[in-house]
Amino acid sequence: EESRAIPGKDTRKAFDRYVGAAEAAPIAFGQILYRSVLKNS
C-alpha cells in the first residue's frame, strides 16, 4: 500500500485538472466577493 497514491494527492490527468479549475472558478470568484462584504463586520 505504500506505493499507492498518497491520500489527498491530486492524481488526475492534466486536462481533468484544467477542467476542474474552470469548474471551481465561479465558486472561487463568488467566495472573494462575499468575503469582501462579510469582513466589514
PDB file of all heavy atoms in Angstrom:
ATOM      1  N   GLU A   1       0.822  -1.207   0.000  1.00  0.00           N
ATOM      2  CA  GLU A   1       0.000   0.000   0.000  1.00  0.00           C
ATOM      3  C   GLU A   1       0.854   1.254   0.000  1.00  0.00           C
ATOM      4  O   GLU A   1       0.376   2.332  -0.366  1.00  0.00           O
ATOM      5  CB  GLU A   1      -0.922   0.016   1.218  1.00  0.00           C
ATOM      6  CG  GLU A   1      -2.119  -0.924   1.111  1.00  0.00           C
ATOM      7  CD  GLU A   1      -1.718  -2.375   1.306  1.00  0.00           C
ATOM      8  OE1 GLU A   1      -0.572  -2.627   1.741  1.00  0.00           O
ATOM      9  OE2 GLU A   1      -2.533  -3.268   1.002  1.00  0.00           O
ATOM     10  N   GLU A   2       2.130   1.156   0.428  1.00  0.00           N
ATOM     11  CA  GLU A   2       2.964   2.340   0.491  1.00  0.00           C
ATOM     12  C   GLU A   2       3.245   2.907  -0.891  1.00  0.00           C
ATOM     13  O   GLU A   2       3.549   4.075  -1.044  1.00  0.00           O
ATOM     14  CB  GLU A   2       4.292   1.994   1.182  1.00  0.00           C
ATOM     15  CG  GLU A   2       4.138   1.700   2.654  1.00  0.00           C
ATOM     16  CD  GLU A   2       5.462   1.384   3.305  1.00  0.00           C
ATOM     17  OE1 GLU A   2       6.477   1.417   2.588  1.00  0.00           O
ATOM     18  OE2 GLU A   2       5.469   1.124   4.522  1.00  0.00           O
ATOM     19  N   SER A   3       3.180   2.058  -1.917  1.00  0.00           N
ATOM     20  CA  SER A   3       3.453   2.525  -3.275  1.00  0.00           C
ATOM     21  C   SER A   3       2.248   3.144  -3.942  1.00  0.00           C
ATOM     22  O   SER A   3       2.338   3.640  -5.046  1.00  0.00           O
ATOM     23  CB  SER A   3       3.956   1.345  -4.123  1.00  0.00           C
ATOM     24  OG  SER A   3       2.965   0.334  -4.190  1.00  0.00           O
ATOM     25  N   ARG A   4       1.124   3.087  -3.249  1.00  0.00           N
ATOM     26  CA  ARG A   4      -0.077   3.662  -3.833  1.00  0.00           C
ATOM     27  C   ARG A   4      -0.062   5.168  -3.703  1.00  0.00           C
ATOM     28  O   ARG A   4       0.794   5.758  -3.071  1.00  0.00           O
ATOM     29  CB  ARG A   4      -1.321   3.085  -3.146  1.00  0.00           C
ATOM     30  CG  ARG A   4      -1.493   1.583  -3.392  1.00  0.00           C
ATOM     31  CD  ARG A   4      -2.736   1.075  -2.703  1.00  0.00           C
ATOM     32  NE  ARG A   4      -2.905  -0.364  -2.892  1.00  0.00           N
ATOM     33  CZ  ARG A   4      -3.878  -1.073  -2.348  1.00  0.00           C
ATOM     34  NH1 ARG A   4      -4.782  -0.482  -1.573  1.00  0.00           N
ATOM     35  NH2 ARG A   4      -3.956  -2.379  -2.561  1.00  0.00           N
ATOM     36  N   ALA A   5      -1.092   5.794  -4.314  1.00  0.00           N
ATOM     37  CA  ALA A   5      -1.159   7.257  -4.288  1.00  0.00           C
ATOM     38  C   ALA A   5      -1.345   7.750  -2.862  1.00  0.00           C
ATOM     39  O   ALA A   5      -2.062   7.147  -2.063  1.00  0.00           O
ATOM     40  CB  ALA A   5      -2.324   7.739  -5.154  1.00  0.00           C
ATOM     41  N   ILE A   6      -0.696   8.823  -2.523  1.00  0.00           N
ATOM     42  CA  ILE A   6      -0.805   9.424  -1.203  1.00  0.00           C
ATOM     43  C   ILE A   6      -2.191  10.026  -1.049  1.00  0.00           C
ATOM     44  O   ILE A   6      -2.669  10.713  -1.947  1.00  0.00           O
ATOM     45  CB  ILE A   6       0.264  10.513  -1.026  1.00  0.00           C
ATOM     46  CG1 ILE A   6       1.652   9.889  -1.189  1.00  0.00           C
ATOM     47  CG2 ILE A   6       0.125  11.193   0.329  1.00  0.00           C
ATOM     48  CD1 ILE A   6       2.762  10.908  -1.183  1.00  0.00           C
ATOM     49  N   PRO A   7      -2.897   9.797   0.069  1.00  0.00           N
ATOM     50  CA  PRO A   7      -4.222  10.374   0.263  1.00  0.00           C
ATOM     51  C   PRO A   7      -4.169  11.894   0.173  1.00  0.00           C
ATOM     52  O   PRO A   7      -3.311  12.542   0.778  1.00  0.00           O
ATOM     53  CB  PRO A   7      -4.602   9.907   1.684  1.00  0.00           C
ATOM     54  CG  PRO A   7      -3.790   8.678   1.903  1.00  0.00           C
ATOM     55  CD  PRO A   7      -2.507   8.904   1.170  1.00  0.00           C
ATOM     56  N   GLY A   8      -5.093  12.460  -0.604  1.00  0.00           N
ATOM     57  CA  GLY A   8      -5.135  13.900  -0.766  1.00  0.00           C
ATOM     58  C   GLY A   8      -4.331  14.410  -1.950  1.00  0.00           C
ATOM     59  O   GLY A   8      -4.475  15.558  -2.347  1.00  0.00           O
ATOM     60  N   LYS A   9      -3.459  13.562  -2.495  1.00  0.00           N
ATOM     61  CA  LYS A   9      -2.653  13.980  -3.630  1.00  0.00           C
ATOM     62  C   LYS A   9      -3.494  13.965  -4.895  1.00  0.00           C
ATOM     63  O   LYS A   9      -4.297  13.061  -5.120  1.00  0.00           O
ATOM     64  CB  LYS A   9      -1.449  13.046  -3.787  1.00  0.00           C
ATOM     65  CG  LYS A   9      -0.500  13.456  -4.898  1.00  0.00           C
ATOM     66  CD  LYS A   9       0.686  12.513  -4.959  1.00  0.00           C
ATOM     67  CE  LYS A   9       1.637  12.917  -6.073  1.00  0.00           C
ATOM     68  NZ  LYS A   9       2.785  11.980  -6.167  1.00  0.00           N
ATOM     69  N   ASP A  10      -3.300  14.964  -5.739  1.00  0.00           N
ATOM     70  CA  ASP A  10      -4.071  15.077  -6.974  1.00  0.00           C
ATOM     71  C   ASP A  10      -3.440  14.178  -8.024  1.00  0.00           C
ATOM     72  O   ASP A  10      -2.369  14.475  -8.556  1.00  0.00           O
ATOM     73  CB  ASP A  10      -4.085  16.532  -7.450  1.00  0.00           C
ATOM     74  CG  ASP A  10      -5.145  16.763  -8.516  1.00  0.00           C
ATOM     75  OD1 ASP A  10      -5.684  15.768  -9.036  1.00  0.00           O
ATOM     76  OD2 ASP A  10      -5.435  17.938  -8.823  1.00  0.00           O
ATOM     77  N   THR A  11      -4.107  13.068  -8.324  1.00  0.00           N
ATOM     78  CA  THR A  11      -3.596  12.118  -9.303  1.00  0.00           C
ATOM     79  C   THR A  11      -4.339  12.202 -10.633  1.00  0.00           C
ATOM     80  O   THR A  11      -4.177  11.325 -11.482  1.00  0.00           O
ATOM     81  CB  THR A  11      -3.700  10.688  -8.751  1.00  0.00           C
ATOM     82  OG1 THR A  11      -5.076  10.396  -8.430  1.00  0.00           O
ATOM     83  CG2 THR A  11      -2.869  10.526  -7.491  1.00  0.00           C
ATOM     84  N   ARG A  12      -5.127  13.233 -10.822  1.00  0.00           N
ATOM     85  CA  ARG A  12      -5.890  13.364 -12.066  1.00  0.00           C
ATOM     86  C   ARG A  12      -4.983  13.723 -13.234  1.00  0.00           C
ATOM     87  O   ARG A  12      -3.885  14.254 -13.067  1.00  0.00           O
ATOM     88  CB  ARG A  12      -6.965  14.440 -11.921  1.00  0.00           C
ATOM     89  CG  ARG A  12      -8.027  14.137 -10.887  1.00  0.00           C
ATOM     90  CD  ARG A  12      -8.950  15.325 -10.701  1.00  0.00           C
ATOM     91  NE  ARG A  12      -8.237  16.474 -10.179  1.00  0.00           N
ATOM     92  CZ  ARG A  12      -8.734  17.701 -10.142  1.00  0.00           C
ATOM     93  NH1 ARG A  12      -9.938  17.946 -10.632  1.00  0.00           N
ATOM     94  NH2 ARG A  12      -8.039  18.693  -9.621  1.00  0.00           N
ATOM     95  N   LYS A  13      -5.475  13.440 -14.438  1.00  0.00           N
ATOM     96  CA  LYS A  13      -4.758  13.835 -15.643  1.00  0.00           C
ATOM     97  C   LYS A  13      -4.768  15.359 -15.764  1.00  0.00           C
ATOM     98  O   LYS A  13      -5.592  16.044 -15.178  1.00  0.00           O
ATOM     99  CB  LYS A  13      -5.415  13.205 -16.874  1.00  0.00           C
ATOM    100  CG  LYS A  13      -5.460  11.680 -16.851  1.00  0.00           C
ATOM    101  CD  LYS A  13      -4.070  11.083 -16.895  1.00  0.00           C
ATOM    102  CE  LYS A  13      -4.143   9.558 -16.970  1.00  0.00           C
ATOM    103  NZ  LYS A  13      -2.797   8.942 -16.997  1.00  0.00           N
ATOM    104  N   ALA A  14      -3.825  15.871 -16.563  1.00  0.00           N
ATOM    105  CA  ALA A  14      -3.662  17.323 -16.678  1.00  0.00           C
ATOM    106  C   ALA A  14      -4.944  17.987 -17.187  1.00  0.00           C
ATOM    107  O   ALA A  14      -5.368  19.022 -16.658  1.00  0.00           O
ATOM    108  CB  ALA A  14      -2.498  17.645 -17.607  1.00  0.00           C
ATOM    109  N   PHE A  15      -5.584  17.410 -18.201  1.00  0.00           N
ATOM    110  CA  PHE A  15      -6.783  18.022 -18.767  1.00  0.00           C
ATOM    111  C   PHE A  15      -7.920  18.032 -17.762  1.00  0.00           C
ATOM    112  O   PHE A  15      -8.701  18.988 -17.701  1.00  0.00           O
ATOM    113  CB  PHE A  15      -7.192  17.297 -20.047  1.00  0.00           C
ATOM    114  CG  PHE A  15      -8.007  18.149 -20.971  1.00  0.00           C
ATOM    115  CD1 PHE A  15      -7.721  19.494 -21.139  1.00  0.00           C
ATOM    116  CD2 PHE A  15      -9.068  17.615 -21.683  1.00  0.00           C
ATOM    117  CE1 PHE A  15      -8.472  20.290 -21.988  1.00  0.00           C
ATOM    118  CE2 PHE A  15      -9.822  18.398 -22.538  1.00  0.00           C
ATOM    119  CZ  PHE A  15      -9.528  19.739 -22.689  1.00  0.00           C
ATOM    120  N   ASP A  16      -8.020  16.975 -16.965  1.00  0.00           N
ATOM    121  CA  ASP A  16      -9.044  16.937 -15.916  1.00  0.00           C
ATOM    122  C   ASP A  16      -8.786  18.021 -14.871  1.00  0.00           C
ATOM    123  O   ASP A  16      -9.721  18.608 -14.325  1.00  0.00           O
ATOM    124  CB  ASP A  16      -9.077  15.564 -15.240  1.00  0.00           C
ATOM    125  CG  ASP A  16      -9.961  14.567 -15.975  1.00  0.00           C
ATOM    126  OD1 ASP A  16     -10.933  15.004 -16.606  1.00  0.00           O
ATOM    127  OD2 ASP A  16      -9.672  13.363 -15.924  1.00  0.00           O
ATOM    128  N   ARG A  17      -7.508  18.292 -14.576  1.00  0.00           N
ATOM    129  CA  ARG A  17      -7.192  19.353 -13.615  1.00  0.00           C
ATOM    130  C   ARG A  17      -7.568  20.722 -14.167  1.00  0.00           C
ATOM    131  O   ARG A  17      -8.073  21.587 -13.436  1.00  0.00           O
ATOM    132  CB  ARG A  17      -5.701  19.316 -13.265  1.00  0.00           C
ATOM    133  CG  ARG A  17      -5.297  18.116 -12.437  1.00  0.00           C
ATOM    134  CD  ARG A  17      -3.966  18.353 -11.743  1.00  0.00           C
ATOM    135  NE  ARG A  17      -2.892  18.565 -12.697  1.00  0.00           N
ATOM    136  CZ  ARG A  17      -2.121  17.600 -13.187  1.00  0.00           C
ATOM    137  NH1 ARG A  17      -2.332  16.348 -12.822  1.00  0.00           N
ATOM    138  NH2 ARG A  17      -1.142  17.873 -14.031  1.00  0.00           N
ATOM    139  N   TYR A  18      -7.340  20.946 -15.465  1.00  0.00           N
ATOM    140  CA  TYR A  18      -7.707  22.226 -16.073  1.00  0.00           C
ATOM    141  C   TYR A  18      -9.224  22.427 -16.051  1.00  0.00           C
ATOM    142  O   TYR A  18      -9.721  23.517 -15.724  1.00  0.00           O
ATOM    143  CB  TYR A  18      -7.200  22.292 -17.514  1.00  0.00           C
ATOM    144  CG  TYR A  18      -5.702  22.193 -17.648  1.00  0.00           C
ATOM    145  CD1 TYR A  18      -5.117  21.597 -18.760  1.00  0.00           C
ATOM    146  CD2 TYR A  18      -4.856  22.675 -16.646  1.00  0.00           C
ATOM    147  CE1 TYR A  18      -3.735  21.496 -18.887  1.00  0.00           C
ATOM    148  CE2 TYR A  18      -3.486  22.574 -16.752  1.00  0.00           C
ATOM    149  CZ  TYR A  18      -2.926  21.986 -17.879  1.00  0.00           C
ATOM    150  OH  TYR A  18      -1.554  21.886 -17.985  1.00  0.00           O
ATOM    151  N   VAL A  19      -9.952  21.379 -16.393  1.00  0.00           N
ATOM    152  CA  VAL A  19     -11.418  21.461 -16.368  1.00  0.00           C
ATOM    153  C   VAL A  19     -11.909  21.656 -14.939  1.00  0.00           C
ATOM    154  O   VAL A  19     -12.851  22.413 -14.689  1.00  0.00           O
ATOM    155  CB  VAL A  19     -12.034  20.198 -17.001  1.00  0.00           C
ATOM    156  CG1 VAL A  19     -13.542  20.144 -16.760  1.00  0.00           C
ATOM    157  CG2 VAL A  19     -11.756  20.166 -18.500  1.00  0.00           C
ATOM    158  N   GLY A  20     -11.267  20.990 -13.988  1.00  0.00           N
ATOM    159  CA  GLY A  20     -11.645  21.163 -12.586  1.00  0.00           C
ATOM    160  C   GLY A  20     -11.417  22.580 -12.106  1.00  0.00           C
ATOM    161  O   GLY A  20     -12.233  23.134 -11.356  1.00  0.00           O
ATOM    162  N   ALA A  21     -10.309  23.190 -12.531  1.00  0.00           N
ATOM    163  CA  ALA A  21     -10.041  24.580 -12.155  1.00  0.00           C
ATOM    164  C   ALA A  21     -11.090  25.512 -12.748  1.00  0.00           C
ATOM    165  O   ALA A  21     -11.544  26.464 -12.096  1.00  0.00           O
ATOM    166  CB  ALA A  21      -8.646  24.986 -12.616  1.00  0.00           C
ATOM    167  N   ALA A  22     -11.483  25.253 -13.991  1.00  0.00           N
ATOM    168  CA  ALA A  22     -12.524  26.070 -14.621  1.00  0.00           C
ATOM    169  C   ALA A  22     -13.864  25.878 -13.924  1.00  0.00           C
ATOM    170  O   ALA A  22     -14.614  26.843 -13.716  1.00  0.00           O
ATOM    171  CB  ALA A  22     -12.639  25.710 -16.101  1.00  0.00           C
ATOM    172  N   GLU A  23     -14.174  24.649 -13.538  1.00  0.00           N
ATOM    173  CA  GLU A  23     -15.436  24.376 -12.850  1.00  0.00           C
ATOM    174  C   GLU A  23     -15.494  25.090 -11.505  1.00  0.00           C
ATOM    175  O   GLU A  23     -16.549  25.574 -11.086  1.00  0.00           O
ATOM    176  CB  GLU A  23     -15.603  22.876 -12.646  1.00  0.00           C
ATOM    177  CG  GLU A  23     -16.896  22.492 -11.964  1.00  0.00           C
ATOM    178  CD  GLU A  23     -16.954  21.023 -11.587  1.00  0.00           C
ATOM    179  OE1 GLU A  23     -15.876  20.383 -11.523  1.00  0.00           O
ATOM    180  OE2 GLU A  23     -18.059  20.517 -11.349  1.00  0.00           O
ATOM    181  N   ALA A  24     -14.358  25.175 -10.820  1.00  0.00           N
ATOM    182  CA  ALA A  24     -14.317  25.804  -9.499  1.00  0.00           C
ATOM    183  C   ALA A  24     -14.228  27.321  -9.558  1.00  0.00           C
ATOM    184  O   ALA A  24     -14.384  27.986  -8.525  1.00  0.00           O
ATOM    185  CB  ALA A  24     -13.126  25.259  -8.705  1.00  0.00           C
ATOM    186  N   ALA A  25     -13.981  27.895 -10.744  1.00  0.00           N
ATOM    187  CA  ALA A  25     -13.756  29.345 -10.865  1.00  0.00           C
ATOM    188  C   ALA A  25     -14.929  30.187 -10.356  1.00  0.00           C
ATOM    189  O   ALA A  25     -14.711  31.163  -9.624  1.00  0.00           O
ATOM    190  CB  ALA A  25     -13.420  29.707 -12.312  1.00  0.00           C
ATOM    191  N   PRO A  26     -16.193  29.878 -10.715  1.00  0.00           N
ATOM    192  CA  PRO A  26     -17.292  30.714 -10.204  1.00  0.00           C
ATOM    193  C   PRO A  26     -17.393  30.703  -8.682  1.00  0.00           C
ATOM    194  O   PRO A  26     -17.660  31.741  -8.069  1.00  0.00           O
ATOM    195  CB  PRO A  26     -18.547  30.098 -10.848  1.00  0.00           C
ATOM    196  CG  PRO A  26     -18.047  29.391 -12.051  1.00  0.00           C
ATOM    197  CD  PRO A  26     -16.689  28.875 -11.680  1.00  0.00           C
ATOM    198  N   ILE A  27     -17.178  29.548  -8.059  1.00  0.00           N
ATOM    199  CA  ILE A  27     -17.229  29.481  -6.597  1.00  0.00           C
ATOM    200  C   ILE A  27     -16.081  30.273  -5.989  1.00  0.00           C
ATOM    201  O   ILE A  27     -16.257  30.984  -4.992  1.00  0.00           O
ATOM    202  CB  ILE A  27     -17.201  28.014  -6.136  1.00  0.00           C
ATOM    203  CG1 ILE A  27     -18.576  27.380  -6.372  1.00  0.00           C
ATOM    204  CG2 ILE A  27     -16.819  27.899  -4.667  1.00  0.00           C
ATOM    205  CD1 ILE A  27     -18.704  25.965  -5.878  1.00  0.00           C
ATOM    206  N   ALA A  28     -14.886  30.171  -6.593  1.00  0.00           N
ATOM    207  CA  ALA A  28     -13.734  30.923  -6.081  1.00  0.00           C
ATOM    208  C   ALA A  28     -13.969  32.425  -6.183  1.00  0.00           C
ATOM    209  O   ALA A  28     -13.691  33.185  -5.239  1.00  0.00           O
ATOM    210  CB  ALA A  28     -12.475  30.536  -6.854  1.00  0.00           C
ATOM    211  N   PHE A  29     -14.512  32.865  -7.323  1.00  0.00           N
ATOM    212  CA  PHE A  29     -14.784  34.294  -7.500  1.00  0.00           C
ATOM    213  C   PHE A  29     -15.895  34.761  -6.574  1.00  0.00           C
ATOM    214  O   PHE A  29     -15.815  35.841  -5.964  1.00  0.00           O
ATOM    215  CB  PHE A  29     -15.155  34.567  -8.956  1.00  0.00           C
ATOM    216  CG  PHE A  29     -15.386  36.010  -9.266  1.00  0.00           C
ATOM    217  CD1 PHE A  29     -14.329  36.911  -9.295  1.00  0.00           C
ATOM    218  CD2 PHE A  29     -16.663  36.481  -9.519  1.00  0.00           C
ATOM    219  CE1 PHE A  29     -14.534  38.250  -9.581  1.00  0.00           C
ATOM    220  CE2 PHE A  29     -16.883  37.821  -9.803  1.00  0.00           C
ATOM    221  CZ  PHE A  29     -15.816  38.707  -9.835  1.00  0.00           C
ATOM    222  N   GLY A  30     -16.951  33.941  -6.449  1.00  0.00           N
ATOM    223  CA  GLY A  30     -18.038  34.298  -5.549  1.00  0.00           C
ATOM    224  C   GLY A  30     -17.589  34.361  -4.100  1.00  0.00           C
ATOM    225  O   GLY A  30     -18.046  35.217  -3.337  1.00  0.00           O
ATOM    226  N   GLN A  31     -16.678  33.482  -3.718  1.00  0.00           N
ATOM    227  CA  GLN A  31     -16.178  33.496  -2.356  1.00  0.00           C
ATOM    228  C   GLN A  31     -15.407  34.781  -2.059  1.00  0.00           C
ATOM    229  O   GLN A  31     -15.513  35.350  -0.967  1.00  0.00           O
ATOM    230  CB  GLN A  31     -15.262  32.285  -2.140  1.00  0.00           C
ATOM    231  CG  GLN A  31     -14.717  32.171  -0.734  1.00  0.00           C
ATOM    232  CD  GLN A  31     -14.005  30.852  -0.504  1.00  0.00           C
ATOM    233  OE1 GLN A  31     -14.560  29.909   0.039  1.00  0.00           O
ATOM    234  NE2 GLN A  31     -12.762  30.767  -0.930  1.00  0.00           N
ATOM    235  N   ILE A  32     -14.650  35.255  -3.045  1.00  0.00           N
ATOM    236  CA  ILE A  32     -13.931  36.521  -2.873  1.00  0.00           C
ATOM    237  C   ILE A  32     -14.910  37.673  -2.691  1.00  0.00           C
ATOM    238  O   ILE A  32     -14.713  38.555  -1.830  1.00  0.00           O
ATOM    239  CB  ILE A  32     -13.020  36.782  -4.084  1.00  0.00           C
ATOM    240  CG1 ILE A  32     -11.903  35.738  -4.143  1.00  0.00           C
ATOM    241  CG2 ILE A  32     -12.418  38.183  -4.014  1.00  0.00           C
ATOM    242  CD1 ILE A  32     -11.056  35.818  -5.387  1.00  0.00           C
ATOM    243  N   LEU A  33     -15.996  37.665  -3.445  1.00  0.00           N
ATOM    244  CA  LEU A  33     -16.971  38.752  -3.368  1.00  0.00           C
ATOM    245  C   LEU A  33     -17.663  38.793  -2.012  1.00  0.00           C
ATOM    246  O   LEU A  33     -17.711  39.846  -1.364  1.00  0.00           O
ATOM    247  CB  LEU A  33     -18.009  38.601  -4.486  1.00  0.00           C
ATOM    248  CG  LEU A  33     -17.536  38.903  -5.913  1.00  0.00           C
ATOM    249  CD1 LEU A  33     -18.678  38.701  -6.895  1.00  0.00           C
ATOM    250  CD2 LEU A  33     -16.995  40.326  -6.011  1.00  0.00           C
ATOM    251  N   TYR A  34     -18.210  37.662  -1.577  1.00  0.00           N
ATOM    252  CA  TYR A  34     -18.974  37.735  -0.321  1.00  0.00           C
ATOM    253  C   TYR A  34     -18.065  37.837   0.890  1.00  0.00           C
ATOM    254  O   TYR A  34     -18.462  38.363   1.930  1.00  0.00           O
ATOM    255  CB  TYR A  34     -19.985  36.585  -0.195  1.00  0.00           C
ATOM    256  CG  TYR A  34     -19.449  35.200  -0.017  1.00  0.00           C
ATOM    257  CD1 TYR A  34     -18.851  34.803   1.178  1.00  0.00           C
ATOM    258  CD2 TYR A  34     -19.601  34.260  -1.023  1.00  0.00           C
ATOM    259  CE1 TYR A  34     -18.395  33.513   1.341  1.00  0.00           C
ATOM    260  CE2 TYR A  34     -19.141  32.974  -0.869  1.00  0.00           C
ATOM    261  CZ  TYR A  34     -18.540  32.610   0.310  1.00  0.00           C
ATOM    262  OH  TYR A  34     -18.077  31.327   0.477  1.00  0.00           O
ATOM    263  N   ARG A  35     -16.830  37.371   0.790  1.00  0.00           N
ATOM    264  CA  ARG A  35     -15.902  37.591   1.898  1.00  0.00           C
ATOM    265  C   ARG A  35     -15.522  39.069   2.015  1.00  0.00           C
ATOM    266  O   ARG A  35     -15.310  39.571   3.119  1.00  0.00           O
ATOM    267  CB  ARG A  35     -14.640  36.747   1.702  1.00  0.00           C
ATOM    268  CG  ARG A  35     -14.782  35.320   2.208  1.00  0.00           C
ATOM    269  CD  ARG A  35     -13.478  34.565   2.122  1.00  0.00           C
ATOM    270  NE  ARG A  35     -13.561  33.270   2.792  1.00  0.00           N
ATOM    271  CZ  ARG A  35     -12.563  32.398   2.841  1.00  0.00           C
ATOM    272  NH1 ARG A  35     -11.406  32.683   2.263  1.00  0.00           N
ATOM    273  NH2 ARG A  35     -12.708  31.251   3.476  1.00  0.00           N
ATOM    274  N   SER A  36     -15.446  39.745   0.867  1.00  0.00           N
ATOM    275  CA  SER A  36     -15.138  41.170   0.908  1.00  0.00           C
ATOM    276  C   SER A  36     -16.259  41.961   1.564  1.00  0.00           C
ATOM    277  O   SER A  36     -16.020  43.043   2.123  1.00  0.00           O
ATOM    278  CB  SER A  36     -14.895  41.696  -0.512  1.00  0.00           C
ATOM    279  OG  SER A  36     -16.065  41.593  -1.299  1.00  0.00           O
ATOM    280  N   VAL A  37     -17.469  41.425   1.515  1.00  0.00           N
ATOM    281  CA  VAL A  37     -18.605  42.082   2.162  1.00  0.00           C
ATOM    282  C   VAL A  37     -18.672  41.705   3.643  1.00  0.00           C
ATOM    283  O   VAL A  37     -18.848  42.569   4.511  1.00  0.00           O
ATOM    284  CB  VAL A  37     -19.925  41.702   1.457  1.00  0.00           C
ATOM    285  CG1 VAL A  37     -21.121  42.283   2.207  1.00  0.00           C
ATOM    286  CG2 VAL A  37     -19.916  42.199   0.017  1.00  0.00           C
ATOM    287  N   LEU A  38     -18.495  40.413   3.942  1.00  0.00           N
ATOM    288  CA  LEU A  38     -18.636  39.950   5.323  1.00  0.00           C
ATOM    289  C   LEU A  38     -17.508  40.432   6.231  1.00  0.00           C
ATOM    290  O   LEU A  38     -17.699  40.565   7.445  1.00  0.00           O
ATOM    291  CB  LEU A  38     -18.686  38.416   5.352  1.00  0.00           C
ATOM    292  CG  LEU A  38     -19.912  37.768   4.708  1.00  0.00           C
ATOM    293  CD1 LEU A  38     -19.779  36.251   4.726  1.00  0.00           C
ATOM    294  CD2 LEU A  38     -21.194  38.190   5.417  1.00  0.00           C
ATOM    295  N   LYS A  39     -16.341  40.714   5.663  1.00  0.00           N
ATOM    296  CA  LYS A  39     -15.213  41.113   6.503  1.00  0.00           C
ATOM    297  C   LYS A  39     -15.383  42.501   7.121  1.00  0.00           C
ATOM    298  O   LYS A  39     -14.627  42.879   8.016  1.00  0.00           O
ATOM    299  CB  LYS A  39     -13.914  41.075   5.701  1.00  0.00           C
ATOM    300  CG  LYS A  39     -13.798  42.181   4.670  1.00  0.00           C
ATOM    301  CD  LYS A  39     -12.464  42.109   3.944  1.00  0.00           C
ATOM    302  CE  LYS A  39     -12.310  43.255   2.951  1.00  0.00           C
ATOM    303  NZ  LYS A  39     -11.014  43.188   2.225  1.00  0.00           N
ATOM    304  N   ASN A  40     -16.378  43.250   6.661  1.00  0.00           N
ATOM    305  CA  ASN A  40     -16.583  44.602   7.174  1.00  0.00           C
ATOM    306  C   ASN A  40     -17.242  44.628   8.546  1.00  0.00           C
ATOM    307  O   ASN A  40     -17.307  45.682   9.175  1.00  0.00           O
ATOM    308  CB  ASN A  40     -17.431  45.409   6.181  1.00  0.00           C
ATOM    309  CG  ASN A  40     -16.715  45.618   4.862  1.00  0.00           C
ATOM    310  OD1 ASN A  40     -15.500  45.810   4.836  1.00  0.00           O
ATOM    311  ND2 ASN A  40     -17.464  45.574   3.759  1.00  0.00           N
ATOM    312  N   SER A  41     -17.727  43.490   9.011  1.00  0.00           N
ATOM    313  CA  SER A  41     -18.343  43.436  10.334  1.00  0.00           C
ATOM    314  C   SER A  41     -17.784  42.250  11.112  1.00  0.00           C
ATOM    315  O   SER A  41     -17.384  41.243  10.520  1.00  0.00           O
ATOM    316  CB  SER A  41     -19.871  43.304  10.227  1.00  0.00           C
ATOM    317  OG  SER A  41     -20.226  42.061   9.650  1.00  0.00           O
TER     318      SER A  41
END
